Structure formats: structure tokens, C-alpha cells
């Protein structure tokens, strides 16, 4: 939590509300004061996540976080599955399912417009 506050304070150094919050936390918590003084900011730019999808079940995915320099505070996460893994098979099944639904929807709209 301190790392998130430190990053936000770096992005918005003149935010009075944020400055007041940090001041209040510093006066009320020895633990916060110590952590804040350490200046540690750690962001996970890559990692692994396990997600559960209601249709295909568990997915083991790796991710990479990419911050967008043109829009500070906005981060894009890209998830991938290992080649040949059950998670990749599940993602391919979801993609196929979504494409089928999209085709059906387009066909229905074309029929309605005729």
C-alpha cells in the first residue's frame, strides 16, 4: 500500500488531499512512517496469475504490465498461456465460442435488416 501511495505522490506531487493523508498516516502510525521513509516502490511488471472462468475453468496465465507514457496512471496488462498447455486450449475454445456468437449475431442483424 505504501508503494502505491508513493507512486501516486510522485505522479501528483501537488495533490493536497494526498499530501494530507500521507501526513496524517505518518503522525498516527510508526509502521507507516518507517515504510514511507524507506522509499521502497516495487511494481510487478511480469508474473503469473491463476484465473477461473465459468465456462472453461482454471487458467494458468503469465502477464506483462505495460505503462502508457502518454497517459500516466494507465497500465495495460497482457495475459498469455504457455504453448501446448491446457490453458491455451481453453483460451482457444473461448475465442472460437466468441467468434461463433459474433457470427450468429451478425447473421441475425442481417436477417432483420432484409
N, C-alpha and C. Protein backbone atom coordinates (compact mmCIF):
# COMPACT_ATOMS: atom_id res chain seq x y z
N UNK A 1 0.82 -1.19 0.00
CA UNK A 1 0.00 0.00 0.00
C UNK A 1 0.86 1.25 0.00
N UNK A 2 1.96 1.23 0.74
CA UNK A 2 2.84 2.39 0.78
C UNK A 2 3.43 2.65 -0.60
N UNK A 3 3.78 1.57 -1.32
CA UNK A 3 4.34 1.73 -2.66
C UNK A 3 3.34 2.40 -3.60
N UNK A 4 2.07 2.04 -3.47
CA UNK A 4 1.04 2.64 -4.31
C UNK A 4 0.90 4.13 -3.97
N UNK A 5 0.89 4.46 -2.70
CA UNK A 5 0.81 5.87 -2.29
C UNK A 5 2.04 6.65 -2.77
N UNK A 6 3.21 6.02 -2.66
CA UNK A 6 4.44 6.70 -3.09
C UNK A 6 4.40 6.96 -4.59
N UNK A 7 3.95 5.99 -5.36
CA UNK A 7 3.86 6.17 -6.81
C UNK A 7 2.87 7.28 -7.15
N UNK A 8 1.74 7.29 -6.48
CA UNK A 8 0.73 8.32 -6.74
C UNK A 8 1.24 9.69 -6.32
N UNK A 9 1.97 9.74 -5.21
CA UNK A 9 2.55 11.01 -4.76
C UNK A 9 3.57 11.53 -5.77
N UNK A 10 4.30 10.62 -6.41
CA UNK A 10 5.25 11.01 -7.44
C UNK A 10 4.54 11.55 -8.68
N UNK A 11 3.40 10.96 -9.01
CA UNK A 11 2.63 11.42 -10.17
C UNK A 11 1.89 12.72 -9.89
N UNK A 12 1.48 12.91 -8.64
CA UNK A 12 0.66 14.08 -8.28
C UNK A 12 1.25 14.77 -7.05
N UNK A 13 2.43 15.38 -7.19
CA UNK A 13 3.10 15.94 -6.02
C UNK A 13 2.36 17.12 -5.37
N UNK A 14 1.43 17.74 -6.08
CA UNK A 14 0.73 18.91 -5.52
C UNK A 14 -0.70 18.59 -5.10
N UNK A 15 -1.03 17.30 -5.00
CA UNK A 15 -2.37 16.87 -4.59
C UNK A 15 -2.49 17.06 -3.07
N UNK A 16 -3.22 18.09 -2.66
CA UNK A 16 -3.33 18.42 -1.24
C UNK A 16 -3.97 17.30 -0.43
N UNK A 17 -5.01 16.68 -0.97
CA UNK A 17 -5.66 15.60 -0.25
C UNK A 17 -4.72 14.43 0.00
N UNK A 18 -3.92 14.10 -1.00
CA UNK A 18 -2.95 13.01 -0.86
C UNK A 18 -1.86 13.38 0.13
N UNK A 19 -1.38 14.60 0.04
CA UNK A 19 -0.35 15.07 0.98
C UNK A 19 -0.88 15.06 2.41
N UNK A 20 -2.11 15.50 2.58
CA UNK A 20 -2.72 15.49 3.93
C UNK A 20 -2.85 14.06 4.46
N UNK A 21 -3.27 13.14 3.59
CA UNK A 21 -3.41 11.74 4.01
C UNK A 21 -2.07 11.17 4.44
N UNK A 22 -1.03 11.41 3.66
CA UNK A 22 0.30 10.89 4.00
C UNK A 22 0.78 11.49 5.31
N UNK A 23 0.52 12.79 5.50
CA UNK A 23 0.89 13.44 6.76
C UNK A 23 0.17 12.83 7.94
N UNK A 24 -1.13 12.59 7.78
CA UNK A 24 -1.90 12.01 8.88
C UNK A 24 -1.44 10.59 9.20
N UNK A 25 -1.22 9.79 8.16
CA UNK A 25 -0.75 8.42 8.38
C UNK A 25 0.62 8.43 9.06
N UNK A 26 1.46 9.37 8.67
CA UNK A 26 2.81 9.46 9.26
C UNK A 26 2.76 9.81 10.74
N UNK A 27 1.81 10.65 11.12
CA UNK A 27 1.74 11.03 12.54
C UNK A 27 1.06 9.97 13.39
N UNK A 28 0.25 9.11 12.78
CA UNK A 28 -0.51 8.14 13.57
C UNK A 28 0.07 6.72 13.56
N UNK A 29 1.00 6.45 12.63
CA UNK A 29 1.48 5.07 12.51
C UNK A 29 3.00 5.01 12.39
N UNK A 30 3.62 4.40 13.37
CA UNK A 30 5.07 4.20 13.34
C UNK A 30 5.45 3.31 12.16
N UNK A 31 4.65 2.27 11.92
CA UNK A 31 4.91 1.35 10.82
C UNK A 31 4.86 2.10 9.48
N UNK A 32 3.84 2.92 9.28
CA UNK A 32 3.74 3.68 8.04
C UNK A 32 4.93 4.63 7.91
N UNK A 33 5.28 5.32 8.98
CA UNK A 33 6.39 6.27 8.96
C UNK A 33 7.68 5.57 8.53
N UNK A 34 7.92 4.39 9.07
CA UNK A 34 9.13 3.62 8.74
C UNK A 34 9.11 3.19 7.28
N UNK A 35 7.98 2.68 6.84
CA UNK A 35 7.88 2.23 5.44
C UNK A 35 7.99 3.40 4.47
N UNK A 36 7.35 4.52 4.82
CA UNK A 36 7.40 5.70 3.95
C UNK A 36 8.84 6.20 3.83
N UNK A 37 9.57 6.20 4.92
CA UNK A 37 10.96 6.68 4.92
C UNK A 37 11.88 5.77 4.12
N UNK A 38 11.52 4.49 3.96
CA UNK A 38 12.36 3.54 3.23
C UNK A 38 12.37 3.81 1.72
N UNK A 39 11.38 4.53 1.21
CA UNK A 39 11.28 4.88 -0.22
C UNK A 39 11.23 3.66 -1.14
N UNK A 40 10.70 2.55 -0.66
CA UNK A 40 10.60 1.35 -1.49
C UNK A 40 9.37 1.42 -2.38
N UNK A 41 9.59 1.28 -3.66
CA UNK A 41 8.48 1.21 -4.61
C UNK A 41 8.75 0.00 -5.49
N UNK A 42 7.90 -1.00 -5.38
CA UNK A 42 8.06 -2.22 -6.17
C UNK A 42 6.79 -2.45 -6.97
N UNK A 43 6.94 -2.55 -8.26
CA UNK A 43 5.80 -2.86 -9.12
C UNK A 43 6.07 -4.18 -9.81
N UNK A 44 5.08 -5.00 -9.85
CA UNK A 44 5.19 -6.27 -10.55
C UNK A 44 4.90 -6.01 -12.03
N UNK A 45 5.94 -6.06 -12.85
CA UNK A 45 5.76 -5.83 -14.28
C UNK A 45 5.47 -7.14 -15.02
N UNK A 46 5.85 -8.24 -14.42
CA UNK A 46 5.57 -9.55 -15.00
C UNK A 46 5.21 -10.50 -13.87
N UNK A 47 4.52 -11.56 -14.21
CA UNK A 47 4.17 -12.53 -13.19
C UNK A 47 3.25 -13.60 -13.72
N UNK A 48 2.68 -14.35 -12.82
CA UNK A 48 1.77 -15.43 -13.17
C UNK A 48 0.48 -15.25 -12.38
N UNK A 49 -0.62 -15.58 -13.01
CA UNK A 49 -1.94 -15.50 -12.36
C UNK A 49 -2.71 -16.77 -12.67
N UNK A 50 -3.50 -17.18 -11.71
CA UNK A 50 -4.44 -18.26 -11.96
C UNK A 50 -5.83 -17.64 -11.88
N UNK A 51 -6.58 -17.79 -12.95
CA UNK A 51 -7.94 -17.26 -13.03
C UNK A 51 -8.91 -18.41 -13.21
N UNK A 52 -10.13 -18.19 -12.82
CA UNK A 52 -11.17 -19.20 -13.04
C UNK A 52 -12.25 -18.60 -13.93
N UNK A 53 -12.48 -19.23 -15.07
CA UNK A 53 -13.52 -18.78 -15.99
C UNK A 53 -14.71 -19.73 -15.85
N UNK A 54 -15.93 -19.19 -15.79
CA UNK A 54 -17.09 -20.05 -15.56
C UNK A 54 -17.36 -21.07 -16.67
N UNK A 55 -16.85 -20.83 -17.86
CA UNK A 55 -17.10 -21.77 -18.97
C UNK A 55 -15.98 -22.79 -19.12
N UNK A 56 -14.72 -22.33 -19.08
CA UNK A 56 -13.60 -23.25 -19.36
C UNK A 56 -12.79 -23.63 -18.14
N UNK A 57 -13.12 -23.08 -16.99
CA UNK A 57 -12.43 -23.49 -15.76
C UNK A 57 -11.17 -22.70 -15.47
N UNK A 58 -10.20 -23.37 -14.83
CA UNK A 58 -8.99 -22.70 -14.39
C UNK A 58 -8.05 -22.40 -15.55
N UNK A 59 -7.46 -21.22 -15.49
CA UNK A 59 -6.49 -20.78 -16.49
C UNK A 59 -5.22 -20.35 -15.77
N UNK A 60 -4.09 -20.92 -16.18
CA UNK A 60 -2.78 -20.50 -15.66
C UNK A 60 -2.15 -19.62 -16.73
N UNK A 61 -2.00 -18.33 -16.41
CA UNK A 61 -1.53 -17.36 -17.39
C UNK A 61 -0.34 -16.59 -16.86
N UNK A 62 0.53 -16.17 -17.76
CA UNK A 62 1.58 -15.23 -17.40
C UNK A 62 1.13 -13.86 -17.88
N UNK A 63 1.65 -12.82 -17.24
CA UNK A 63 1.25 -11.47 -17.65
C UNK A 63 2.44 -10.55 -17.71
N UNK A 64 2.25 -9.49 -18.48
CA UNK A 64 3.22 -8.40 -18.55
C UNK A 64 2.44 -7.11 -18.45
N UNK A 65 2.89 -6.21 -17.59
CA UNK A 65 2.25 -4.92 -17.42
C UNK A 65 3.04 -3.88 -18.20
N UNK A 66 2.32 -3.06 -18.96
CA UNK A 66 2.96 -2.01 -19.75
C UNK A 66 2.29 -0.68 -19.43
N UNK A 67 3.07 0.22 -18.86
CA UNK A 67 2.54 1.54 -18.55
C UNK A 67 2.57 2.38 -19.83
N UNK A 68 1.54 3.19 -20.01
CA UNK A 68 1.44 4.02 -21.19
C UNK A 68 1.97 5.42 -20.87
N UNK A 69 3.12 5.77 -21.41
CA UNK A 69 3.72 7.06 -21.09
C UNK A 69 2.83 8.25 -21.46
N UNK A 70 2.01 8.10 -22.48
CA UNK A 70 1.16 9.20 -22.90
C UNK A 70 -0.03 9.41 -21.98
N UNK A 71 -0.31 8.42 -21.11
CA UNK A 71 -1.45 8.52 -20.19
C UNK A 71 -1.03 8.02 -18.81
N UNK A 72 -0.35 8.85 -18.04
CA UNK A 72 0.16 8.41 -16.73
C UNK A 72 -0.94 7.80 -15.86
N UNK A 73 -0.60 6.69 -15.23
CA UNK A 73 -1.56 6.01 -14.38
C UNK A 73 -2.33 4.91 -15.09
N UNK A 74 -2.22 4.87 -16.42
CA UNK A 74 -2.93 3.84 -17.18
C UNK A 74 -1.94 2.73 -17.53
N UNK A 75 -2.30 1.51 -17.19
CA UNK A 75 -1.45 0.35 -17.45
C UNK A 75 -2.24 -0.69 -18.21
N UNK A 76 -1.61 -1.27 -19.23
CA UNK A 76 -2.22 -2.35 -19.99
C UNK A 76 -1.58 -3.66 -19.53
N UNK A 77 -2.42 -4.64 -19.22
CA UNK A 77 -1.93 -5.96 -18.85
C UNK A 77 -2.19 -6.91 -20.00
N UNK A 78 -1.15 -7.65 -20.40
CA UNK A 78 -1.27 -8.63 -21.47
C UNK A 78 -1.07 -10.00 -20.85
N UNK A 79 -2.06 -10.87 -21.03
CA UNK A 79 -2.01 -12.23 -20.48
C UNK A 79 -1.77 -13.22 -21.61
N UNK A 80 -0.92 -14.21 -21.36
CA UNK A 80 -0.66 -15.26 -22.34
C UNK A 80 -0.63 -16.62 -21.63
N UNK A 81 -0.86 -17.65 -22.43
CA UNK A 81 -0.80 -19.02 -21.92
C UNK A 81 0.39 -19.71 -22.57
N UNK A 82 0.96 -20.66 -21.86
CA UNK A 82 2.08 -21.42 -22.40
C UNK A 82 1.63 -22.22 -23.63
N UNK A 83 2.45 -22.26 -24.69
CA UNK A 83 2.10 -23.06 -25.86
C UNK A 83 1.87 -24.52 -25.48
N UNK A 84 0.81 -25.11 -26.04
CA UNK A 84 0.51 -26.52 -25.80
C UNK A 84 -0.11 -26.82 -24.44
N UNK A 85 -0.39 -25.80 -23.65
CA UNK A 85 -0.93 -26.02 -22.30
C UNK A 85 -2.46 -26.14 -22.33
N UNK A 86 -3.03 -26.74 -21.29
CA UNK A 86 -4.48 -26.77 -21.18
C UNK A 86 -5.08 -25.36 -21.15
N UNK A 87 -4.36 -24.40 -20.59
CA UNK A 87 -4.85 -23.03 -20.56
C UNK A 87 -4.95 -22.44 -21.97
N UNK A 88 -3.97 -22.76 -22.82
CA UNK A 88 -4.04 -22.27 -24.21
C UNK A 88 -5.22 -22.92 -24.92
N UNK A 89 -5.44 -24.20 -24.70
CA UNK A 89 -6.60 -24.87 -25.29
C UNK A 89 -7.90 -24.21 -24.84
N UNK A 90 -7.97 -23.87 -23.55
CA UNK A 90 -9.17 -23.23 -23.01
C UNK A 90 -9.38 -21.84 -23.63
N UNK A 91 -8.30 -21.08 -23.79
CA UNK A 91 -8.42 -19.76 -24.41
C UNK A 91 -8.85 -19.88 -25.87
N UNK A 92 -8.31 -20.87 -26.57
CA UNK A 92 -8.72 -21.09 -27.97
C UNK A 92 -10.20 -21.47 -28.05
N UNK A 93 -10.66 -22.27 -27.11
CA UNK A 93 -12.07 -22.64 -27.07
C UNK A 93 -12.93 -21.39 -26.85
N UNK A 94 -12.52 -20.53 -25.92
CA UNK A 94 -13.26 -19.29 -25.67
C UNK A 94 -13.27 -18.39 -26.91
N UNK A 95 -12.15 -18.29 -27.60
CA UNK A 95 -12.07 -17.47 -28.80
C UNK A 95 -13.00 -18.01 -29.88
N UNK A 96 -13.02 -19.32 -30.03
CA UNK A 96 -13.90 -19.95 -31.02
C UNK A 96 -15.36 -19.72 -30.67
N UNK A 97 -15.68 -19.87 -29.39
CA UNK A 97 -17.05 -19.67 -28.90
C UNK A 97 -17.49 -18.23 -29.15
N UNK A 98 -16.61 -17.28 -28.82
CA UNK A 98 -16.94 -15.86 -29.01
C UNK A 98 -17.12 -15.54 -30.49
N UNK A 99 -16.28 -16.12 -31.35
CA UNK A 99 -16.40 -15.88 -32.79
C UNK A 99 -17.71 -16.45 -33.32
N UNK A 100 -18.11 -17.61 -32.83
CA UNK A 100 -19.38 -18.22 -33.24
C UNK A 100 -20.55 -17.34 -32.83
N UNK A 101 -20.53 -16.86 -31.61
CA UNK A 101 -21.61 -15.98 -31.14
C UNK A 101 -21.65 -14.69 -31.96
N UNK A 102 -20.49 -14.14 -32.29
CA UNK A 102 -20.41 -12.92 -33.08
C UNK A 102 -20.99 -13.16 -34.48
N UNK A 103 -20.66 -14.28 -35.08
CA UNK A 103 -21.19 -14.61 -36.42
C UNK A 103 -22.70 -14.76 -36.37
N UNK A 104 -23.21 -15.41 -35.33
CA UNK A 104 -24.66 -15.58 -35.20
C UNK A 104 -25.35 -14.24 -35.05
N UNK A 105 -24.75 -13.36 -34.26
CA UNK A 105 -25.31 -12.04 -34.03
C UNK A 105 -25.35 -11.24 -35.33
N UNK A 106 -24.27 -11.29 -36.11
CA UNK A 106 -24.23 -10.58 -37.39
C UNK A 106 -25.27 -11.13 -38.36
N UNK A 107 -25.43 -12.45 -38.37
CA UNK A 107 -26.41 -13.08 -39.25
C UNK A 107 -27.84 -12.66 -38.86
N UNK A 108 -28.11 -12.59 -37.56
CA UNK A 108 -29.43 -12.15 -37.09
C UNK A 108 -29.70 -10.71 -37.48
N UNK A 109 -28.71 -9.84 -37.35
CA UNK A 109 -28.89 -8.43 -37.72
C UNK A 109 -29.09 -8.28 -39.23
N UNK A 110 -28.41 -9.12 -40.00
CA UNK A 110 -28.56 -9.05 -41.46
C UNK A 110 -29.96 -9.50 -41.86
N UNK A 111 -30.48 -10.52 -41.17
CA UNK A 111 -31.83 -11.01 -41.46
C UNK A 111 -32.88 -9.99 -41.08
N UNK A 112 -32.67 -9.31 -39.96
CA UNK A 112 -33.63 -8.30 -39.51
C UNK A 112 -33.67 -7.11 -40.47
N UNK A 113 -32.54 -6.77 -41.05
CA UNK A 113 -32.46 -5.63 -41.95
C UNK A 113 -32.96 -5.92 -43.34
N UNK A 114 -33.17 -7.18 -43.66
CA UNK A 114 -33.60 -7.55 -45.03
C UNK A 114 -35.08 -7.40 -45.23
